[in-house]
N, C-alpha and C. Protein backbone atom coordinates (compact mmCIF):
# COMPACT_ATOMS: atom_id res chain seq x y z
N MET A 1 -6.33 100.12 24.43
CA MET A 1 -6.46 98.39 23.88
C MET A 1 -4.97 97.94 22.99
N GLU A 2 -4.69 99.02 22.34
CA GLU A 2 -3.03 99.15 21.72
C GLU A 2 -2.22 98.96 22.94
N SER A 3 -1.60 99.64 23.97
CA SER A 3 -1.22 99.42 25.05
C SER A 3 -1.18 97.88 25.61
N GLU A 4 -2.91 97.01 25.91
CA GLU A 4 -2.75 95.90 26.12
C GLU A 4 -1.86 94.80 25.31
N ASN A 5 -2.60 95.09 23.82
CA ASN A 5 -1.81 94.46 23.00
C ASN A 5 0.09 94.33 23.38
N LYS A 6 0.58 95.59 22.98
CA LYS A 6 1.89 95.65 23.26
C LYS A 6 2.63 94.99 24.90
N ALA A 7 1.74 95.25 25.84
CA ALA A 7 2.49 94.08 26.82
C ALA A 7 1.79 92.78 27.11
N SER A 8 0.86 92.26 25.87
CA SER A 8 0.83 91.02 25.81
C SER A 8 1.86 90.38 24.96
N ALA A 9 2.43 91.11 24.01
CA ALA A 9 3.75 90.72 22.89
C ALA A 9 5.04 90.70 23.69
N LYS A 10 5.02 91.86 24.77
CA LYS A 10 6.36 91.38 25.79
C LYS A 10 6.25 90.43 25.99
N GLN A 11 5.16 90.10 26.93
CA GLN A 11 5.11 88.87 27.53
C GLN A 11 5.29 87.24 27.20
N ARG A 12 4.87 87.64 26.22
CA ARG A 12 4.87 86.59 24.83
C ARG A 12 6.82 85.57 24.92
N PRO A 13 6.73 84.33 25.35
CA PRO A 13 7.96 84.07 25.62
C PRO A 13 8.38 83.84 24.03
N LYS A 14 9.81 84.29 24.19
CA LYS A 14 10.22 83.94 22.88
C LYS A 14 10.84 82.46 22.27
N GLU A 15 10.47 82.34 20.78
CA GLU A 15 10.74 81.15 20.31
C GLU A 15 12.10 80.78 20.36
N ARG A 16 11.98 79.34 20.61
CA ARG A 16 13.62 79.07 20.56
C ARG A 16 13.90 78.79 18.92
N ALA A 17 15.21 79.19 19.32
CA ALA A 17 16.17 78.75 17.53
C ALA A 17 16.14 77.21 17.28
N GLY A 18 16.27 77.06 16.28
CA GLY A 18 16.51 75.63 16.20
C GLY A 18 17.46 75.17 15.24
N ILE A 19 18.52 74.09 16.23
CA ILE A 19 19.60 73.72 14.97
C ILE A 19 19.50 72.37 15.05
N LEU A 20 19.78 71.65 13.51
CA LEU A 20 19.52 70.20 13.09
C LEU A 20 20.69 69.77 13.14
N LEU A 21 21.10 68.48 14.01
CA LEU A 21 22.42 68.05 14.13
C LEU A 21 22.65 66.73 12.72
N ALA A 22 23.20 66.95 11.58
CA ALA A 22 23.89 66.07 11.00
C ALA A 22 24.44 64.63 11.61
N THR A 23 23.51 64.02 12.67
CA THR A 23 24.17 62.79 13.43
C THR A 23 22.80 61.75 13.89
N ARG A 24 22.79 60.87 14.16
CA ARG A 24 21.89 60.15 14.78
C ARG A 24 22.73 58.88 15.91
N ASN A 25 23.52 59.90 16.84
CA ASN A 25 23.89 59.59 17.96
C ASN A 25 23.18 60.39 18.85
N ARG A 26 22.70 60.07 19.54
CA ARG A 26 21.81 60.49 20.42
C ARG A 26 22.62 61.29 21.75
N HIS A 27 23.48 60.38 22.24
CA HIS A 27 24.88 60.82 22.95
C HIS A 27 24.88 62.46 22.41
N LYS A 28 25.66 62.20 21.76
CA LYS A 28 26.14 63.28 20.82
C LYS A 28 25.10 64.92 20.96
N THR A 29 23.80 64.67 20.31
CA THR A 29 22.85 65.36 20.37
C THR A 29 22.51 65.88 21.88
N ASN A 30 22.73 65.07 23.04
CA ASN A 30 22.21 65.20 24.71
C ASN A 30 23.21 66.20 24.93
N GLU A 31 24.33 65.78 24.45
CA GLU A 31 25.52 66.59 25.11
C GLU A 31 25.46 67.84 24.41
N ILE A 32 25.70 67.83 23.16
CA ILE A 32 25.32 69.44 22.50
C ILE A 32 24.29 70.39 22.93
N GLN A 33 23.17 69.62 23.53
CA GLN A 33 21.84 70.59 23.86
C GLN A 33 22.12 70.96 25.02
N ALA A 34 22.68 70.19 26.10
CA ALA A 34 23.23 70.20 27.48
C ALA A 34 24.04 71.68 27.60
N ILE A 35 25.06 71.72 26.57
CA ILE A 35 25.74 72.62 26.50
C ILE A 35 25.61 74.09 25.73
N LEU A 36 24.49 73.95 24.77
CA LEU A 36 24.26 75.23 24.04
C LEU A 36 22.79 76.07 25.12
N GLY A 37 22.88 74.89 25.81
CA GLY A 37 21.58 75.30 26.95
C GLY A 37 20.30 75.71 26.22
N VAL A 38 18.94 75.84 27.11
CA VAL A 38 17.36 75.88 26.63
C VAL A 38 17.30 76.94 25.75
N GLY A 39 18.30 78.14 25.61
CA GLY A 39 17.68 79.08 24.59
C GLY A 39 17.78 78.35 23.20
N VAL A 40 18.68 77.24 23.07
CA VAL A 40 18.47 76.72 21.42
C VAL A 40 17.86 75.56 21.33
N LEU A 41 16.68 74.99 20.30
CA LEU A 41 16.14 73.54 20.45
C LEU A 41 17.14 72.69 19.83
N VAL A 42 17.73 72.10 20.57
CA VAL A 42 18.82 70.71 19.04
C VAL A 42 17.85 69.83 19.04
N SER A 43 18.24 69.09 17.53
CA SER A 43 17.29 67.92 17.13
C SER A 43 18.02 67.44 16.02
N ASP A 44 18.21 65.99 15.94
CA ASP A 44 18.76 65.20 15.05
C ASP A 44 18.15 64.43 13.89
N VAL A 45 18.97 63.97 13.42
CA VAL A 45 18.34 63.04 12.20
C VAL A 45 17.93 61.98 12.20
N SER A 46 17.95 61.31 13.82
CA SER A 46 17.13 59.98 14.00
C SER A 46 15.94 60.08 13.70
N GLY A 47 15.58 59.11 13.25
CA GLY A 47 14.24 58.69 12.74
C GLY A 47 14.02 59.61 11.28
N MET A 48 14.64 60.18 10.92
CA MET A 48 14.51 60.67 9.66
C MET A 48 14.73 59.60 8.25
N ASN A 49 14.24 58.96 7.94
CA ASN A 49 14.71 57.39 7.21
C ASN A 49 15.17 57.98 5.61
N HIS A 50 14.59 59.24 5.51
CA HIS A 50 14.30 59.80 3.91
C HIS A 50 15.90 60.37 3.88
N LEU A 51 16.67 60.77 5.23
CA LEU A 51 17.71 61.25 4.82
C LEU A 51 18.59 60.53 4.50
N PRO A 52 20.21 60.96 3.73
CA PRO A 52 20.67 59.69 3.48
C PRO A 52 22.01 59.44 4.47
N GLU A 53 22.44 58.53 4.56
CA GLU A 53 23.60 58.55 5.69
C GLU A 53 24.79 59.08 4.46
N ILE A 54 25.66 59.81 5.52
CA ILE A 54 26.78 60.30 4.64
C ILE A 54 27.96 59.46 5.35
N GLU A 55 28.99 59.03 4.13
CA GLU A 55 29.72 58.31 4.44
C GLU A 55 31.25 59.03 4.89
N GLU A 56 31.64 58.81 5.84
CA GLU A 56 32.69 59.52 6.26
C GLU A 56 34.01 59.00 5.53
N THR A 57 34.13 59.62 4.77
CA THR A 57 35.21 59.63 3.45
C THR A 57 36.91 60.54 3.66
N GLY A 58 36.33 61.04 4.88
CA GLY A 58 37.81 62.28 4.64
C GLY A 58 38.61 61.65 5.72
N VAL A 59 39.67 62.55 5.88
CA VAL A 59 41.19 61.90 6.36
C VAL A 59 41.48 63.13 7.66
N THR A 60 40.11 63.95 7.69
CA THR A 60 40.62 65.01 8.94
C THR A 60 39.31 65.07 9.23
N PHE A 61 38.88 65.29 10.42
CA PHE A 61 37.76 66.06 11.16
C PHE A 61 37.35 67.06 10.60
N GLU A 62 37.90 68.14 9.96
CA GLU A 62 37.29 68.72 9.12
C GLU A 62 36.85 68.67 8.31
N GLU A 63 37.17 67.57 7.15
CA GLU A 63 36.56 67.03 5.68
C GLU A 63 35.28 66.19 6.53
N ASN A 64 35.49 65.65 7.18
CA ASN A 64 34.26 65.05 7.55
C ASN A 64 33.03 65.59 8.11
N SER A 65 33.47 66.76 9.06
CA SER A 65 31.80 67.44 9.67
C SER A 65 31.96 68.34 8.32
N ARG A 66 32.74 68.65 6.80
CA ARG A 66 32.21 69.23 6.30
C ARG A 66 31.35 68.14 5.73
N LEU A 67 31.83 67.27 4.84
CA LEU A 67 30.70 66.38 4.24
C LEU A 67 29.39 65.91 4.57
N LYS A 68 29.14 66.04 6.37
CA LYS A 68 28.08 65.42 6.80
C LYS A 68 27.34 66.82 6.83
N ALA A 69 27.53 67.82 7.18
CA ALA A 69 26.84 69.12 7.14
C ALA A 69 26.38 69.53 5.76
N GLU A 70 27.21 69.18 4.81
CA GLU A 70 27.06 69.76 3.43
C GLU A 70 25.97 68.33 2.78
N GLY A 71 26.17 67.58 3.38
CA GLY A 71 25.17 66.36 2.46
C GLY A 71 23.59 66.37 3.07
N ILE A 72 23.67 67.03 4.52
CA ILE A 72 22.14 66.73 4.84
C ILE A 72 21.73 68.09 4.71
N SER A 73 22.33 69.40 4.44
CA SER A 73 21.83 70.33 4.10
C SER A 73 21.60 70.56 3.24
N ARG A 74 21.79 69.74 1.69
CA ARG A 74 21.12 69.73 0.50
C ARG A 74 19.49 69.07 0.96
N CYS A 75 19.49 68.47 1.55
CA CYS A 75 18.16 67.82 1.62
C CYS A 75 16.91 68.48 2.52
N VAL A 76 17.18 69.52 3.35
CA VAL A 76 16.75 70.36 4.11
C VAL A 76 16.50 71.44 4.40
N ASP A 77 15.66 72.62 4.98
CA ASP A 77 15.83 73.76 4.44
C ASP A 77 16.48 74.23 6.14
N GLY A 78 17.23 75.37 5.75
CA GLY A 78 17.61 75.95 7.35
C GLY A 78 19.55 75.00 7.25
N ILE A 79 19.81 76.20 8.43
CA ILE A 79 21.45 75.46 8.69
C ILE A 79 21.13 74.33 9.35
N VAL A 80 22.48 73.61 9.06
CA VAL A 80 22.62 72.28 9.75
C VAL A 80 24.23 72.09 10.34
N LEU A 81 24.03 71.91 11.21
CA LEU A 81 25.39 71.36 12.12
C LEU A 81 25.68 70.08 11.94
N ALA A 82 27.42 69.69 12.29
CA ALA A 82 27.61 68.43 11.86
C ALA A 82 29.33 68.69 12.72
N ASP A 83 29.15 67.54 13.59
CA ASP A 83 30.13 67.64 14.61
C ASP A 83 31.07 66.36 13.90
N ASP A 84 32.84 66.32 14.06
CA ASP A 84 33.22 65.30 14.10
C ASP A 84 34.35 65.46 14.82
N SER A 85 34.89 64.52 15.49
CA SER A 85 35.65 64.47 16.62
C SER A 85 36.42 63.08 16.84
N GLY A 86 37.10 62.98 17.72
CA GLY A 86 37.74 61.86 18.33
C GLY A 86 39.14 61.94 19.14
N LEU A 87 39.37 61.17 19.40
CA LEU A 87 40.45 60.61 20.72
C LEU A 87 41.82 60.94 19.65
N GLU A 88 43.19 61.84 19.99
CA GLU A 88 44.30 61.40 19.69
C GLU A 88 45.26 60.91 20.50
N VAL A 89 45.91 59.74 20.06
CA VAL A 89 47.03 59.11 21.34
C VAL A 89 48.58 59.30 20.73
N ASP A 90 48.94 59.66 21.28
CA ASP A 90 50.43 60.29 20.55
C ASP A 90 51.41 58.80 20.47
N ALA A 91 51.27 58.16 21.27
CA ALA A 91 51.91 56.68 21.55
C ALA A 91 51.46 56.31 20.37
N LEU A 92 50.56 55.88 19.85
CA LEU A 92 49.66 55.46 19.17
C LEU A 92 49.84 56.17 17.70
N GLU A 93 50.74 57.02 17.15
CA GLU A 93 50.81 57.78 16.28
C GLU A 93 49.22 58.73 15.90
N LYS A 94 48.80 59.51 16.81
CA LYS A 94 47.57 59.59 16.59
C LYS A 94 46.25 58.98 16.39
N GLU A 95 46.27 57.43 16.58
CA GLU A 95 44.96 57.20 16.47
C GLU A 95 44.21 57.22 17.51
N PRO A 96 43.08 56.60 17.76
CA PRO A 96 42.01 56.19 16.64
C PRO A 96 42.01 57.30 15.85
N GLY A 97 41.82 58.71 16.18
CA GLY A 97 42.12 59.84 15.34
C GLY A 97 40.56 59.96 14.74
N VAL A 98 40.33 60.00 13.19
CA VAL A 98 39.08 60.08 12.30
C VAL A 98 38.59 58.76 12.23
N TRP A 99 39.01 57.65 13.01
CA TRP A 99 38.47 56.43 13.28
C TRP A 99 37.93 56.25 14.29
N SER A 100 37.97 57.72 15.37
CA SER A 100 37.33 57.24 16.76
C SER A 100 36.19 56.17 16.84
N ALA A 101 35.16 56.35 15.89
CA ALA A 101 33.58 55.92 16.56
C ALA A 101 33.82 54.53 16.26
N ARG A 102 34.47 53.79 15.26
CA ARG A 102 34.66 52.61 14.64
C ARG A 102 35.87 51.52 14.77
N TYR A 103 36.75 52.43 15.87
CA TYR A 103 38.23 51.88 15.97
C TYR A 103 37.96 50.25 15.85
N SER A 104 37.43 49.84 16.90
CA SER A 104 37.38 48.17 16.71
C SER A 104 36.77 47.65 15.88
N GLY A 105 36.62 47.92 14.67
CA GLY A 105 36.01 47.08 13.52
C GLY A 105 34.47 47.38 13.16
N GLN A 106 34.06 46.55 12.63
CA GLN A 106 32.88 46.55 11.76
C GLN A 106 31.59 46.72 13.23
N ASP A 107 31.87 46.21 13.85
CA ASP A 107 30.94 45.55 15.43
C ASP A 107 31.13 46.38 16.69
N CYS A 108 31.68 47.31 16.12
CA CYS A 108 32.21 48.31 17.50
C CYS A 108 31.29 49.01 18.32
N THR A 109 31.33 48.71 19.32
CA THR A 109 30.83 50.06 20.57
C THR A 109 31.82 50.65 21.39
N ASP A 110 31.40 51.80 22.30
CA ASP A 110 32.50 52.74 23.07
C ASP A 110 32.72 51.72 23.58
N GLU A 111 32.46 50.51 24.41
CA GLU A 111 33.25 49.88 25.32
C GLU A 111 34.60 48.95 24.47
N LYS A 112 34.13 48.53 23.21
CA LYS A 112 35.08 47.75 22.65
C LYS A 112 36.26 48.77 21.96
N ASN A 113 35.86 49.85 21.59
CA ASN A 113 36.98 50.86 21.37
C ASN A 113 37.59 51.29 22.56
N THR A 114 37.00 51.29 23.51
CA THR A 114 37.70 51.87 24.64
C THR A 114 38.79 50.36 25.29
N ALA A 115 38.84 49.54 25.20
CA ALA A 115 39.05 48.47 25.42
C ALA A 115 40.23 48.20 24.58
N LEU A 116 40.27 48.44 23.29
CA LEU A 116 41.25 48.24 22.33
C LEU A 116 42.31 49.60 22.60
N VAL A 117 41.70 50.61 23.00
CA VAL A 117 42.76 51.93 23.06
C VAL A 117 43.86 51.19 24.31
N LEU A 118 42.77 50.67 25.57
CA LEU A 118 43.66 50.87 26.56
C LEU A 118 44.39 49.37 26.47
N LEU A 119 44.23 48.32 25.62
CA LEU A 119 45.14 47.27 25.33
C LEU A 119 46.43 47.55 24.63
N LYS A 120 46.26 48.60 23.45
CA LYS A 120 47.17 48.57 23.02
C LYS A 120 48.16 49.53 23.72
N MET A 121 47.53 50.45 24.92
CA MET A 121 48.44 50.79 25.36
C MET A 121 48.97 50.37 26.83
N LYS A 122 48.58 49.35 27.11
CA LYS A 122 49.14 48.27 28.32
C LYS A 122 50.47 48.33 28.66
N GLY A 123 50.87 48.57 29.43
CA GLY A 123 52.85 48.59 30.15
C GLY A 123 53.09 50.22 29.42
N VAL A 124 52.49 51.13 28.76
CA VAL A 124 52.94 52.41 28.71
C VAL A 124 52.98 52.98 29.55
N SER A 125 53.72 53.87 30.47
CA SER A 125 54.09 54.75 31.40
C SER A 125 53.07 56.19 31.38
N GLN A 126 52.96 56.55 32.23
CA GLN A 126 51.89 57.83 32.28
C GLN A 126 52.63 59.06 31.44
N GLU A 127 54.30 59.20 31.54
CA GLU A 127 54.68 60.27 30.49
C GLU A 127 54.77 60.03 28.89
N PHE A 128 54.21 58.77 28.36
CA PHE A 128 53.66 58.37 27.30
C PHE A 128 52.44 58.37 26.84
N ARG A 129 51.70 58.61 27.72
CA ARG A 129 50.14 58.36 27.76
C ARG A 129 49.49 59.81 27.46
N THR A 130 50.28 60.56 26.74
CA THR A 130 50.03 61.90 26.52
C THR A 130 48.53 61.58 25.34
N ALA A 131 47.75 62.49 25.19
CA ALA A 131 46.52 62.27 24.34
C ALA A 131 45.28 63.50 24.07
N ARG A 132 45.08 63.57 23.33
CA ARG A 132 43.78 64.94 23.27
C ARG A 132 42.53 64.33 22.57
N PHE A 133 41.42 65.35 22.95
CA PHE A 133 40.19 64.93 22.08
C PHE A 133 40.60 66.38 21.18
N ARG A 134 39.68 66.16 19.71
CA ARG A 134 39.70 67.21 19.01
C ARG A 134 38.08 67.27 18.55
N CYS A 135 37.53 68.23 18.20
CA CYS A 135 36.32 68.46 17.60
C CYS A 135 36.60 69.18 16.70
N VAL A 136 35.65 69.26 15.70
CA VAL A 136 35.43 70.10 14.51
C VAL A 136 34.16 70.49 13.86
N LEU A 137 33.31 71.60 14.36
CA LEU A 137 31.68 71.81 13.98
C LEU A 137 31.98 72.69 12.80
N ALA A 138 31.18 72.19 11.77
CA ALA A 138 30.81 72.57 10.59
C ALA A 138 29.22 72.86 10.23
N ALA A 139 29.55 74.41 10.09
CA ALA A 139 27.64 74.67 9.95
C ALA A 139 27.86 75.14 8.11
N ALA A 140 26.44 74.35 7.74
CA ALA A 140 26.52 74.56 6.10
C ALA A 140 24.93 74.63 5.88
N GLU A 141 24.50 75.12 4.90
CA GLU A 141 23.01 75.21 4.63
C GLU A 141 23.58 75.30 2.79
N ASN A 142 22.15 74.52 2.32
CA ASN A 142 22.44 74.38 0.55
C ASN A 142 23.30 74.08 0.36
N GLY A 143 23.88 72.76 0.94
CA GLY A 143 25.23 72.31 0.34
C GLY A 143 26.58 72.83 0.66
N HIS A 144 26.75 73.92 0.81
CA HIS A 144 27.61 74.89 1.13
C HIS A 144 28.01 75.37 2.63
N THR A 145 29.32 75.02 2.83
CA THR A 145 30.05 74.97 4.55
C THR A 145 29.44 76.84 4.39
N LEU A 146 28.99 77.13 5.94
CA LEU A 146 29.09 78.56 6.14
C LEU A 146 30.53 79.04 6.89
N ALA A 147 30.82 77.86 8.12
CA ALA A 147 31.63 78.11 8.79
C ALA A 147 32.19 77.19 9.72
N VAL A 148 33.39 76.73 10.24
CA VAL A 148 33.86 76.02 10.50
C VAL A 148 34.48 76.74 12.18
N PHE A 149 34.21 75.51 13.41
CA PHE A 149 34.89 76.07 14.79
C PHE A 149 35.62 74.93 15.09
N ASN A 150 36.97 74.60 15.91
CA ASN A 150 37.46 73.78 16.37
C ASN A 150 37.64 73.90 17.77
N GLY A 151 37.93 72.72 18.44
CA GLY A 151 38.37 72.82 20.09
C GLY A 151 39.16 71.56 19.98
N THR A 152 40.06 71.93 21.34
CA THR A 152 40.83 70.51 21.34
C THR A 152 41.05 70.77 23.04
N VAL A 153 41.15 69.72 23.63
CA VAL A 153 41.72 69.46 25.10
C VAL A 153 42.82 68.34 25.07
N GLU A 154 43.85 68.83 25.83
CA GLU A 154 44.93 67.78 25.99
C GLU A 154 44.95 67.44 27.41
N GLY A 155 45.16 65.74 27.46
CA GLY A 155 44.88 65.26 28.74
C GLY A 155 46.10 64.08 28.41
N ILE A 156 45.84 63.03 29.64
CA ILE A 156 46.27 61.90 29.88
C ILE A 156 45.40 61.03 30.08
N LEU A 157 45.76 59.69 29.42
CA LEU A 157 45.27 58.24 29.23
C LEU A 157 45.13 57.53 30.90
N ALA A 158 44.01 57.10 31.24
CA ALA A 158 43.82 56.48 32.38
C ALA A 158 44.35 54.85 32.12
N GLU A 159 44.73 54.40 32.89
CA GLU A 159 44.76 52.72 32.85
C GLU A 159 43.91 52.10 32.69
N GLU A 160 42.78 52.55 33.32
CA GLU A 160 41.67 51.43 33.35
C GLU A 160 40.40 52.60 33.05
N VAL A 161 39.16 51.68 32.96
CA VAL A 161 37.90 52.41 32.67
C VAL A 161 37.66 53.13 34.15
N ARG A 162 37.00 54.78 34.18
CA ARG A 162 36.71 55.01 35.44
C ARG A 162 35.71 55.77 35.16
N GLY A 163 34.45 55.83 35.95
CA GLY A 163 33.74 56.60 35.81
C GLY A 163 32.32 56.12 35.09
N LEU A 164 31.36 56.72 35.10
CA LEU A 164 30.24 56.45 34.29
C LEU A 164 29.49 57.17 33.47
N GLY A 165 29.95 58.54 33.78
CA GLY A 165 29.30 60.07 33.05
C GLY A 165 30.07 59.88 31.61
N GLY A 166 29.24 60.87 30.40
CA GLY A 166 29.60 60.92 29.28
C GLY A 166 29.92 59.61 28.66
N PHE A 167 30.39 59.57 27.51
CA PHE A 167 30.15 58.49 26.46
C PHE A 167 31.44 58.55 25.75
N GLY A 168 31.92 57.22 24.61
CA GLY A 168 33.10 57.29 23.83
C GLY A 168 33.91 57.01 24.93
N TYR A 169 34.89 57.55 24.67
CA TYR A 169 36.54 57.39 25.34
C TYR A 169 36.79 58.28 26.69
N ASP A 170 35.40 58.70 27.43
CA ASP A 170 35.63 59.50 28.40
C ASP A 170 35.93 59.06 29.52
N PRO A 171 35.75 57.82 29.73
CA PRO A 171 35.87 57.35 30.96
C PRO A 171 37.64 56.57 31.32
N ILE A 172 38.42 57.11 30.35
CA ILE A 172 39.70 56.55 30.19
C ILE A 172 40.49 58.03 29.99
N PHE A 173 39.80 59.13 29.64
CA PHE A 173 40.53 60.46 29.48
C PHE A 173 41.01 61.63 30.50
N MET A 174 41.61 61.66 30.95
CA MET A 174 42.13 62.92 32.16
C MET A 174 42.33 64.07 31.70
N PRO A 175 41.87 65.11 31.78
CA PRO A 175 42.17 66.23 31.21
C PRO A 175 43.15 66.77 32.42
N LEU A 176 44.23 67.68 31.42
CA LEU A 176 45.37 68.21 32.24
C LEU A 176 44.90 68.97 33.34
N GLY A 177 45.71 68.56 34.86
CA GLY A 177 45.34 69.48 35.59
C GLY A 177 44.47 68.47 36.71
N TYR A 178 43.60 67.26 35.97
CA TYR A 178 42.77 66.78 37.15
C TYR A 178 43.40 65.33 36.98
N ASP A 179 42.92 64.84 37.99
CA ASP A 179 43.02 63.14 38.59
C ASP A 179 41.92 62.37 37.93
N GLN A 180 41.30 62.92 37.84
CA GLN A 180 39.64 62.69 37.53
C GLN A 180 39.51 62.37 36.04
N THR A 181 38.86 61.62 35.25
CA THR A 181 38.72 61.47 34.00
C THR A 181 37.29 61.77 33.71
N PHE A 182 36.55 62.10 32.18
CA PHE A 182 35.57 62.45 31.93
C PHE A 182 34.42 61.63 32.12
N GLY A 183 34.81 61.00 32.16
CA GLY A 183 33.57 59.55 33.15
C GLY A 183 33.17 60.18 34.56
N GLU A 184 34.09 60.66 35.31
CA GLU A 184 34.10 60.98 36.56
C GLU A 184 33.65 62.63 37.14
N LEU A 185 34.33 63.23 36.10
CA LEU A 185 33.80 64.72 36.33
C LEU A 185 32.69 65.28 36.37
N PRO A 186 32.04 65.89 37.08
CA PRO A 186 30.77 66.31 36.64
C PRO A 186 30.41 67.17 35.48
N ALA A 187 29.19 66.71 35.06
CA ALA A 187 28.87 67.32 33.16
C ALA A 187 29.43 68.61 33.16
N GLY A 188 29.08 69.77 34.25
CA GLY A 188 29.30 70.92 34.26
C GLY A 188 30.67 71.14 33.91
N ILE A 189 32.16 71.01 34.61
CA ILE A 189 32.93 70.94 34.79
C ILE A 189 33.96 70.68 33.53
N LYS A 190 33.60 69.09 33.01
CA LYS A 190 33.54 68.37 31.67
C LYS A 190 33.17 69.29 30.59
N HIS A 191 31.99 69.84 30.20
CA HIS A 191 31.22 70.62 29.26
C HIS A 191 32.13 72.22 29.05
N ALA A 192 33.03 72.75 30.45
CA ALA A 192 33.47 74.11 30.10
C ALA A 192 34.95 73.99 29.88
N MET A 193 35.26 72.76 29.74
CA MET A 193 36.48 72.82 29.42
C MET A 193 36.49 71.72 28.11
N SER A 194 35.80 71.02 27.85
CA SER A 194 35.54 69.89 26.66
C SER A 194 35.97 70.32 25.18
N HIS A 195 36.52 69.90 24.56
CA HIS A 195 36.76 69.82 23.03
C HIS A 195 35.37 70.48 22.22
N ARG A 196 34.72 69.87 23.01
CA ARG A 196 33.17 70.10 21.92
C ARG A 196 32.43 71.80 22.63
N GLY A 197 33.06 71.11 23.88
CA GLY A 197 32.33 72.60 24.66
C GLY A 197 32.99 73.67 24.31
N MET A 198 34.24 73.92 23.54
CA MET A 198 35.19 74.92 23.08
C MET A 198 34.40 75.36 21.56
N ALA A 199 34.46 74.33 21.08
CA ALA A 199 34.21 74.25 19.86
C ALA A 199 32.44 75.26 19.34
N LEU A 200 31.69 74.76 20.59
CA LEU A 200 30.41 75.44 20.29
C LEU A 200 29.99 76.47 20.79
N LYS A 201 31.19 76.95 21.95
CA LYS A 201 31.07 78.34 22.35
C LYS A 201 31.45 79.33 21.34
N GLN A 202 32.46 78.97 20.31
CA GLN A 202 32.59 79.56 18.78
C GLN A 202 31.54 79.54 17.68
N PHE A 203 30.91 78.52 17.86
CA PHE A 203 29.60 78.47 17.25
C PHE A 203 28.38 79.11 17.84
N LYS A 204 28.47 79.62 18.91
CA LYS A 204 27.30 79.89 19.76
C LYS A 204 27.21 81.40 19.47
N GLU A 205 28.63 81.83 19.88
CA GLU A 205 28.73 83.37 19.21
C GLU A 205 28.32 83.52 17.54
N TRP A 206 28.81 82.98 16.87
CA TRP A 206 28.42 82.86 15.36
C TRP A 206 27.18 83.15 15.33
N TRP A 207 26.39 81.89 16.02
CA TRP A 207 25.12 81.78 15.53
C TRP A 207 24.09 82.66 16.41
N ASP A 208 24.05 83.50 17.57
CA ASP A 208 23.95 84.71 17.96
C ASP A 208 23.90 85.55 17.37
N GLY A 209 25.11 85.97 16.91
CA GLY A 209 25.50 87.29 15.61
C GLY A 209 24.55 87.36 14.30
N ARG A 210 24.34 85.84 14.37
CA ARG A 210 23.20 85.82 12.76
C ARG A 210 22.04 86.03 13.63
N GLU A 211 21.43 85.50 14.38
CA GLU A 211 20.38 85.96 15.27
C GLU A 211 19.95 86.95 15.15
N TYR A 212 20.91 87.97 15.83
CA TYR A 212 20.70 89.33 15.75
C TYR A 212 20.55 89.94 14.68
N SER A 213 21.53 89.83 13.50
CA SER A 213 21.28 90.25 12.13
C SER A 213 19.80 90.23 11.68
N LYS A 214 19.53 89.34 11.80
CA LYS A 214 17.98 88.85 11.40
C LYS A 214 17.18 89.38 11.93
N GLY A 215 17.43 89.61 13.13
CA GLY A 215 16.29 90.52 14.39
C GLY A 215 16.61 91.96 14.07
N ASN A 216 17.26 92.54 13.20
CA ASN A 216 17.42 93.80 13.27
C ASN A 216 17.61 94.51 11.86
N SER A 217 16.87 93.20 11.02
CA SER A 217 17.11 93.54 9.34
C SER A 217 15.65 94.15 9.18
């Protein structure tokens, strides 16, 4: 009987670890879930109306990601992960930057933000259309940041919206070495090289190390 119990325990599927994202952006949540894979269950604060809206008052991606992670982690148990990311265009003095999500004003949408960048870059030659995506992730617990992870991908801005994939500025951003935008590239290729993919790879290594330590303590 004891051997049967041991055998059934080995066959029992391992419970997936859960991560709460300090975001109500389902596009971002879905992308992070896709990058981290099936071994991690990713959820966000959509529908959790009792949780506060964290005002992004920082002037850097790291400041904003820490604000969000720390703010939500004061209200829930466990580790909270926050992402602050955006597009930096050299010819626009690194705008939209930390204002990427709300670049076109109060009633902003991805489409309006993208259109505004293209309007400001109209007539700029390709050699001066250099840009990059940046992502900073912060992991926090009980109001304190535990770790920060960074990712950057360099590229060139297209002159028009191209592709239906991704979200945000993806349809106008061509990573170096490619003549397709993130909106045109297959998701697997994009995730492998993207700013968010790079930062999440670092986070996953850190997270796995914590899970391993807990399992052997």
